[in-house]
Amino acid sequence: MTCEDAHLKMHDYISGELAEEHHRPLMDHMDECPNCREFFRQTANIQTTMRGFMQYEAPFELQAAVSSILANA
């Protein structure tokens, strides 16, 4: 696996979307590549931070309006 391949797979791995059969090759590559280990660490931190910012709960009135529209559709 190249570093470029590893970088592409890291996002899917962190989000839980990487197929199980691709886990071991990715982990093996990171065991051997300190640059990819650091890239993975930084990427995981960024994604975790972004997830925290992206959590939004719609106001009750909006939730009720959408539920009403869907119920009558």
PDB file of N, CA and C in Angstrom:
ATOM      1  N   MET A   1       0.851  -1.176   0.000  1.00  0.00           N
ATOM      2  CA  MET A   1       0.000   0.000   0.000  1.00  0.00           C
ATOM      3  C   MET A   1       0.894   1.235   0.000  1.00  0.00           C
ATOM      4  N   THR A   2       0.543   2.184  -0.839  1.00  0.00           N
ATOM      5  CA  THR A   2       1.288   3.437  -0.881  1.00  0.00           C
ATOM      6  C   THR A   2       0.718   4.403   0.162  1.00  0.00           C
ATOM      7  N   CYS A   3       1.478   5.442   0.427  1.00  0.00           N
ATOM      8  CA  CYS A   3       0.993   6.470   1.356  1.00  0.00           C
ATOM      9  C   CYS A   3      -0.274   7.117   0.823  1.00  0.00           C
ATOM     10  N   GLU A   4      -0.328   7.336  -0.472  1.00  0.00           N
ATOM     11  CA  GLU A   4      -1.524   7.939  -1.078  1.00  0.00           C
ATOM     12  C   GLU A   4      -2.747   7.039  -0.859  1.00  0.00           C
ATOM     13  N   ASP A   5      -2.586   5.737  -1.059  1.00  0.00           N
ATOM     14  CA  ASP A   5      -3.684   4.792  -0.814  1.00  0.00           C
ATOM     15  C   ASP A   5      -4.113   4.837   0.649  1.00  0.00           C
ATOM     16  N   ALA A   6      -3.132   4.870   1.532  1.00  0.00           N
ATOM     17  CA  ALA A   6      -3.420   4.892   2.966  1.00  0.00           C
ATOM     18  C   ALA A   6      -4.199   6.146   3.335  1.00  0.00           C
ATOM     19  N   HIS A   7      -3.797   7.289   2.816  1.00  0.00           N
ATOM     20  CA  HIS A   7      -4.488   8.548   3.129  1.00  0.00           C
ATOM     21  C   HIS A   7      -5.938   8.493   2.674  1.00  0.00           C
ATOM     22  N   LEU A   8      -6.182   7.914   1.513  1.00  0.00           N
ATOM     23  CA  LEU A   8      -7.551   7.813   1.008  1.00  0.00           C
ATOM     24  C   LEU A   8      -8.408   6.895   1.880  1.00  0.00           C
ATOM     25  N   LYS A   9      -7.814   5.849   2.415  1.00  0.00           N
ATOM     26  CA  LYS A   9      -8.564   4.894   3.232  1.00  0.00           C
ATOM     27  C   LYS A   9      -8.775   5.371   4.674  1.00  0.00           C
ATOM     28  N   MET A  10      -7.912   6.251   5.141  1.00  0.00           N
ATOM     29  CA  MET A  10      -7.992   6.704   6.537  1.00  0.00           C
ATOM     30  C   MET A  10      -9.327   7.360   6.857  1.00  0.00           C
ATOM     31  N   HIS A  11      -9.819   8.186   5.980  1.00  0.00           N
ATOM     32  CA  HIS A  11     -11.088   8.876   6.243  1.00  0.00           C
ATOM     33  C   HIS A  11     -12.215   7.868   6.428  1.00  0.00           C
ATOM     34  N   ASP A  12     -12.256   6.869   5.548  1.00  0.00           N
ATOM     35  CA  ASP A  12     -13.290   5.838   5.663  1.00  0.00           C
ATOM     36  C   ASP A  12     -13.100   5.014   6.930  1.00  0.00           C
ATOM     37  N   TYR A  13     -11.859   4.735   7.285  1.00  0.00           N
ATOM     38  CA  TYR A  13     -11.594   3.962   8.499  1.00  0.00           C
ATOM     39  C   TYR A  13     -12.093   4.720   9.731  1.00  0.00           C
ATOM     40  N   ILE A  14     -11.758   5.985   9.818  1.00  0.00           N
ATOM     41  CA  ILE A  14     -12.130   6.790  10.979  1.00  0.00           C
ATOM     42  C   ILE A  14     -13.648   6.909  11.098  1.00  0.00           C
ATOM     43  N   SER A  15     -14.326   7.024   9.967  1.00  0.00           N
ATOM     44  CA  SER A  15     -15.785   7.173   9.996  1.00  0.00           C
ATOM     45  C   SER A  15     -16.506   5.834  10.090  1.00  0.00           C
ATOM     46  N   GLY A  16     -15.750   4.733  10.102  1.00  0.00           N
ATOM     47  CA  GLY A  16     -16.358   3.410  10.230  1.00  0.00           C
ATOM     48  C   GLY A  16     -16.907   2.855   8.926  1.00  0.00           C
ATOM     49  N   GLU A  17     -16.501   3.444   7.808  1.00  0.00           N
ATOM     50  CA  GLU A  17     -17.023   3.027   6.503  1.00  0.00           C
ATOM     51  C   GLU A  17     -16.053   2.157   5.707  1.00  0.00           C
ATOM     52  N   LEU A  18     -14.867   1.917   6.237  1.00  0.00           N
ATOM     53  CA  LEU A  18     -13.889   1.108   5.505  1.00  0.00           C
ATOM     54  C   LEU A  18     -14.203  -0.369   5.707  1.00  0.00           C
ATOM     55  N   ALA A  19     -14.278  -1.100   4.619  1.00  0.00           N
ATOM     56  CA  ALA A  19     -14.556  -2.537   4.686  1.00  0.00           C
ATOM     57  C   ALA A  19     -13.488  -3.233   5.533  1.00  0.00           C
ATOM     58  N   GLU A  20     -13.940  -4.215   6.287  1.00  0.00           N
ATOM     59  CA  GLU A  20     -13.074  -4.937   7.236  1.00  0.00           C
ATOM     60  C   GLU A  20     -11.799  -5.477   6.577  1.00  0.00           C
ATOM     61  N   GLU A  21     -11.893  -5.936   5.344  1.00  0.00           N
ATOM     62  CA  GLU A  21     -10.716  -6.534   4.698  1.00  0.00           C
ATOM     63  C   GLU A  21      -9.622  -5.513   4.395  1.00  0.00           C
ATOM     64  N   HIS A  22      -9.929  -4.228   4.495  1.00  0.00           N
ATOM     65  CA  HIS A  22      -8.928  -3.189   4.246  1.00  0.00           C
ATOM     66  C   HIS A  22      -8.277  -2.674   5.535  1.00  0.00           C
ATOM     67  N   HIS A  23      -8.789  -3.103   6.688  1.00  0.00           N
ATOM     68  CA  HIS A  23      -8.229  -2.625   7.966  1.00  0.00           C
ATOM     69  C   HIS A  23      -6.780  -3.048   8.147  1.00  0.00           C
ATOM     70  N   ARG A  24      -6.510  -4.340   8.013  1.00  0.00           N
ATOM     71  CA  ARG A  24      -5.173  -4.865   8.293  1.00  0.00           C
ATOM     72  C   ARG A  24      -4.125  -4.249   7.377  1.00  0.00           C
ATOM     73  N   PRO A  25      -4.355  -4.164   6.050  1.00  0.00           N
ATOM     74  CA  PRO A  25      -3.325  -3.524   5.209  1.00  0.00           C
ATOM     75  C   PRO A  25      -3.061  -2.070   5.614  1.00  0.00           C
ATOM     76  N   LEU A  26      -4.096  -1.358   5.994  1.00  0.00           N
ATOM     77  CA  LEU A  26      -3.917   0.032   6.428  1.00  0.00           C
ATOM     78  C   LEU A  26      -3.102   0.087   7.719  1.00  0.00           C
ATOM     79  N   MET A  27      -3.453  -0.748   8.682  1.00  0.00           N
ATOM     80  CA  MET A  27      -2.725  -0.764   9.960  1.00  0.00           C
ATOM     81  C   MET A  27      -1.275  -1.193   9.750  1.00  0.00           C
ATOM     82  N   ASP A  28      -1.058  -2.182   8.886  1.00  0.00           N
ATOM     83  CA  ASP A  28       0.314  -2.623   8.599  1.00  0.00           C
ATOM     84  C   ASP A  28       1.131  -1.477   7.991  1.00  0.00           C
ATOM     85  N   HIS A  29       0.521  -0.742   7.082  1.00  0.00           N
ATOM     86  CA  HIS A  29       1.236   0.376   6.473  1.00  0.00           C
ATOM     87  C   HIS A  29       1.594   1.418   7.529  1.00  0.00           C
ATOM     88  N   MET A  30       0.640   1.736   8.395  1.00  0.00           N
ATOM     89  CA  MET A  30       0.919   2.758   9.413  1.00  0.00           C
ATOM     90  C   MET A  30       1.950   2.287  10.430  1.00  0.00           C
ATOM     91  N   ASP A  31       2.017   0.976  10.673  1.00  0.00           N
ATOM     92  CA  ASP A  31       3.063   0.440  11.551  1.00  0.00           C
ATOM     93  C   ASP A  31       4.454   0.738  10.988  1.00  0.00           C
ATOM     94  N   GLU A  32       4.552   0.756   9.666  1.00  0.00           N
ATOM     95  CA  GLU A  32       5.845   0.938   9.003  1.00  0.00           C
ATOM     96  C   GLU A  32       6.128   2.383   8.592  1.00  0.00           C
ATOM     97  N   CYS A  33       5.117   3.259   8.637  1.00  0.00           N
ATOM     98  CA  CYS A  33       5.279   4.599   8.078  1.00  0.00           C
ATOM     99  C   CYS A  33       4.926   5.673   9.117  1.00  0.00           C
ATOM    100  N   PRO A  34       5.928   6.292   9.710  1.00  0.00           N
ATOM    101  CA  PRO A  34       5.661   7.319  10.721  1.00  0.00           C
ATOM    102  C   PRO A  34       4.911   8.532  10.158  1.00  0.00           C
ATOM    103  N   ASN A  35       5.135   8.858   8.894  1.00  0.00           N
ATOM    104  CA  ASN A  35       4.412   9.992   8.299  1.00  0.00           C
ATOM    105  C   ASN A  35       2.916   9.711   8.221  1.00  0.00           C
ATOM    106  N   CYS A  36       2.563   8.503   7.844  1.00  0.00           N
ATOM    107  CA  CYS A  36       1.142   8.144   7.767  1.00  0.00           C
ATOM    108  C   CYS A  36       0.525   8.029   9.161  1.00  0.00           C
ATOM    109  N   ARG A  37       1.282   7.560  10.130  1.00  0.00           N
ATOM    110  CA  ARG A  37       0.768   7.519  11.518  1.00  0.00           C
ATOM    111  C   ARG A  37       0.414   8.924  11.978  1.00  0.00           C
ATOM    112  N   GLU A  38       1.284   9.880  11.697  1.00  0.00           N
ATOM    113  CA  GLU A  38       1.036  11.261  12.093  1.00  0.00           C
ATOM    114  C   GLU A  38      -0.140  11.849  11.311  1.00  0.00           C
ATOM    115  N   PHE A  39      -0.204  11.555  10.031  1.00  0.00           N
ATOM    116  CA  PHE A  39      -1.325  12.027   9.212  1.00  0.00           C
ATOM    117  C   PHE A  39      -2.640  11.453   9.752  1.00  0.00           C
ATOM    118  N   PHE A  40      -2.628  10.183  10.121  1.00  0.00           N
ATOM    119  CA  PHE A  40      -3.816   9.536  10.687  1.00  0.00           C
ATOM    120  C   PHE A  40      -4.225  10.221  11.992  1.00  0.00           C
ATOM    121  N   ARG A  41      -3.264  10.489  12.861  1.00  0.00           N
ATOM    122  CA  ARG A  41      -3.557  11.134  14.138  1.00  0.00           C
ATOM    123  C   ARG A  41      -4.195  12.504  13.911  1.00  0.00           C
ATOM    124  N   GLN A  42      -3.617  13.265  13.018  1.00  0.00           N
ATOM    125  CA  GLN A  42      -4.149  14.596  12.726  1.00  0.00           C
ATOM    126  C   GLN A  42      -5.537  14.518  12.091  1.00  0.00           C
ATOM    127  N   THR A  43      -5.714  13.603  11.177  1.00  0.00           N
ATOM    128  CA  THR A  43      -7.001  13.436  10.505  1.00  0.00           C
ATOM    129  C   THR A  43      -8.078  13.022  11.498  1.00  0.00           C
ATOM    130  N   ALA A  44      -7.757  12.099  12.386  1.00  0.00           N
ATOM    131  CA  ALA A  44      -8.734  11.658  13.396  1.00  0.00           C
ATOM    132  C   ALA A  44      -9.104  12.818  14.313  1.00  0.00           C
ATOM    133  N   ASN A  45      -8.144  13.615  14.710  1.00  0.00           N
ATOM    134  CA  ASN A  45      -8.430  14.776  15.567  1.00  0.00           C
ATOM    135  C   ASN A  45      -9.328  15.783  14.855  1.00  0.00           C
ATOM    136  N   ILE A  46      -9.047  16.035  13.598  1.00  0.00           N
ATOM    137  CA  ILE A  46      -9.860  16.985  12.831  1.00  0.00           C
ATOM    138  C   ILE A  46     -11.288  16.468  12.686  1.00  0.00           C
ATOM    139  N   GLN A  47     -11.437  15.197  12.338  1.00  0.00           N
ATOM    140  CA  GLN A  47     -12.787  14.652  12.153  1.00  0.00           C
ATOM    141  C   GLN A  47     -13.566  14.644  13.458  1.00  0.00           C
ATOM    142  N   THR A  48     -12.902  14.345  14.559  1.00  0.00           N
ATOM    143  CA  THR A  48     -13.570  14.360  15.860  1.00  0.00           C
ATOM    144  C   THR A  48     -14.020  15.773  16.209  1.00  0.00           C
ATOM    145  N   THR A  49     -13.158  16.737  15.983  1.00  0.00           N
ATOM    146  CA  THR A  49     -13.503  18.133  16.254  1.00  0.00           C
ATOM    147  C   THR A  49     -14.668  18.587  15.379  1.00  0.00           C
ATOM    148  N   MET A  50     -14.618  18.252  14.106  1.00  0.00           N
ATOM    149  CA  MET A  50     -15.682  18.659  13.186  1.00  0.00           C
ATOM    150  C   MET A  50     -17.016  18.026  13.558  1.00  0.00           C
ATOM    151  N   ARG A  51     -17.007  16.770  13.969  1.00  0.00           N
ATOM    152  CA  ARG A  51     -18.242  16.113  14.391  1.00  0.00           C
ATOM    153  C   ARG A  51     -18.878  16.873  15.543  1.00  0.00           C
ATOM    154  N   GLY A  52     -18.061  17.369  16.450  1.00  0.00           N
ATOM    155  CA  GLY A  52     -18.567  18.127  17.582  1.00  0.00           C
ATOM    156  C   GLY A  52     -19.226  19.423  17.148  1.00  0.00           C
ATOM    157  N   PHE A  53     -18.676  20.068  16.141  1.00  0.00           N
ATOM    158  CA  PHE A  53     -19.251  21.317  15.640  1.00  0.00           C
ATOM    159  C   PHE A  53     -20.523  21.079  14.832  1.00  0.00           C
ATOM    160  N   MET A  54     -20.614  19.919  14.223  1.00  0.00           N
ATOM    161  CA  MET A  54     -21.714  19.660  13.303  1.00  0.00           C
ATOM    162  C   MET A  54     -22.959  19.111  13.989  1.00  0.00           C
ATOM    163  N   GLN A  55     -22.904  18.851  15.261  1.00  0.00           N
ATOM    164  CA  GLN A  55     -24.079  18.344  15.959  1.00  0.00           C
ATOM    165  C   GLN A  55     -25.031  19.502  16.203  1.00  0.00           C
ATOM    166  N   TYR A  56     -26.176  19.379  15.619  1.00  0.00           N
ATOM    167  CA  TYR A  56     -27.161  20.451  15.701  1.00  0.00           C
ATOM    168  C   TYR A  56     -28.520  19.802  15.903  1.00  0.00           C
ATOM    169  N   GLU A  57     -29.257  20.307  16.833  1.00  0.00           N
ATOM    170  CA  GLU A  57     -30.610  19.824  17.028  1.00  0.00           C
ATOM    171  C   GLU A  57     -31.563  20.929  16.617  1.00  0.00           C
ATOM    172  N   ALA A  58     -32.431  20.600  15.687  1.00  0.00           N
ATOM    173  CA  ALA A  58     -33.384  21.583  15.189  1.00  0.00           C
ATOM    174  C   ALA A  58     -34.340  21.991  16.316  1.00  0.00           C
ATOM    175  N   PRO A  59     -34.799  23.238  16.284  1.00  0.00           N
ATOM    176  CA  PRO A  59     -35.771  23.677  17.281  1.00  0.00           C
ATOM    177  C   PRO A  59     -37.030  22.815  17.220  1.00  0.00           C
ATOM    178  N   PHE A  60     -37.701  22.683  18.344  1.00  0.00           N
ATOM    179  CA  PHE A  60     -38.886  21.839  18.437  1.00  0.00           C
ATOM    180  C   PHE A  60     -39.919  22.213  17.369  1.00  0.00           C
ATOM    181  N   GLU A  61     -40.115  23.507  17.151  1.00  0.00           N
ATOM    182  CA  GLU A  61     -41.116  23.950  16.177  1.00  0.00           C
ATOM    183  C   GLU A  61     -40.799  23.426  14.781  1.00  0.00           C
ATOM    184  N   LEU A  62     -39.536  23.441  14.408  1.00  0.00           N
ATOM    185  CA  LEU A  62     -39.136  22.930  13.098  1.00  0.00           C
ATOM    186  C   LEU A  62     -39.342  21.423  13.025  1.00  0.00           C
ATOM    187  N   GLN A  63     -38.961  20.709  14.076  1.00  0.00           N
ATOM    188  CA  GLN A  63     -39.157  19.263  14.111  1.00  0.00           C
ATOM    189  C   GLN A  63     -40.643  18.922  13.954  1.00  0.00           C
ATOM    190  N   ALA A  64     -41.495  19.656  14.680  1.00  0.00           N
ATOM    191  CA  ALA A  64     -42.940  19.409  14.633  1.00  0.00           C
ATOM    192  C   ALA A  64     -43.495  19.692  13.237  1.00  0.00           C
ATOM    193  N   ALA A  65     -43.018  20.784  12.619  1.00  0.00           N
ATOM    194  CA  ALA A  65     -43.497  21.128  11.281  1.00  0.00           C
ATOM    195  C   ALA A  65     -43.104  20.069  10.255  1.00  0.00           C
ATOM    196  N   VAL A  66     -41.877  19.613  10.317  1.00  0.00           N
ATOM    197  CA  VAL A  66     -41.411  18.587   9.386  1.00  0.00           C
ATOM    198  C   VAL A  66     -42.171  17.286   9.629  1.00  0.00           C
ATOM    199  N   SER A  67     -42.353  16.908  10.870  1.00  0.00           N
ATOM    200  CA  SER A  67     -43.109  15.684  11.185  1.00  0.00           C
ATOM    201  C   SER A  67     -44.535  15.776  10.652  1.00  0.00           C
ATOM    202  N   SER A  68     -45.172  16.926  10.793  1.00  0.00           N
ATOM    203  CA  SER A  68     -46.524  17.124  10.297  1.00  0.00           C
ATOM    204  C   SER A  68     -46.580  17.001   8.779  1.00  0.00           C
ATOM    205  N   ILE A  69     -45.619  17.618   8.105  1.00  0.00           N
ATOM    206  CA  ILE A  69     -45.576  17.547   6.645  1.00  0.00           C
ATOM    207  C   ILE A  69     -45.391  16.106   6.181  1.00  0.00           C
ATOM    208  N   LEU A  70     -44.497  15.387   6.839  1.00  0.00           N
ATOM    209  CA  LEU A  70     -44.239  13.986   6.451  1.00  0.00           C
ATOM    210  C   LEU A  70     -45.447  13.091   6.744  1.00  0.00           C
ATOM    211  N   ALA A  71     -46.137  13.362   7.831  1.00  0.00           N
ATOM    212  CA  ALA A  71     -47.314  12.563   8.185  1.00  0.00           C
ATOM    213  C   ALA A  71     -48.436  12.756   7.181  1.00  0.00           C
ATOM    214  N   ASN A  72     -48.499  13.945   6.584  1.00  0.00           N
ATOM    215  CA  ASN A  72     -49.569  14.246   5.633  1.00  0.00           C
ATOM    216  C   ASN A  72     -49.152  14.018   4.187  1.00  0.00           C
ATOM    217  N   ALA A  73     -47.980  13.528   3.967  1.00  0.00           N
ATOM    218  CA  ALA A  73     -47.494  13.334   2.591  1.00  0.00           C
ATOM    219  C   ALA A  73     -48.056  12.081   1.971  1.00  0.00           C
TER     220      ALA A  73
END
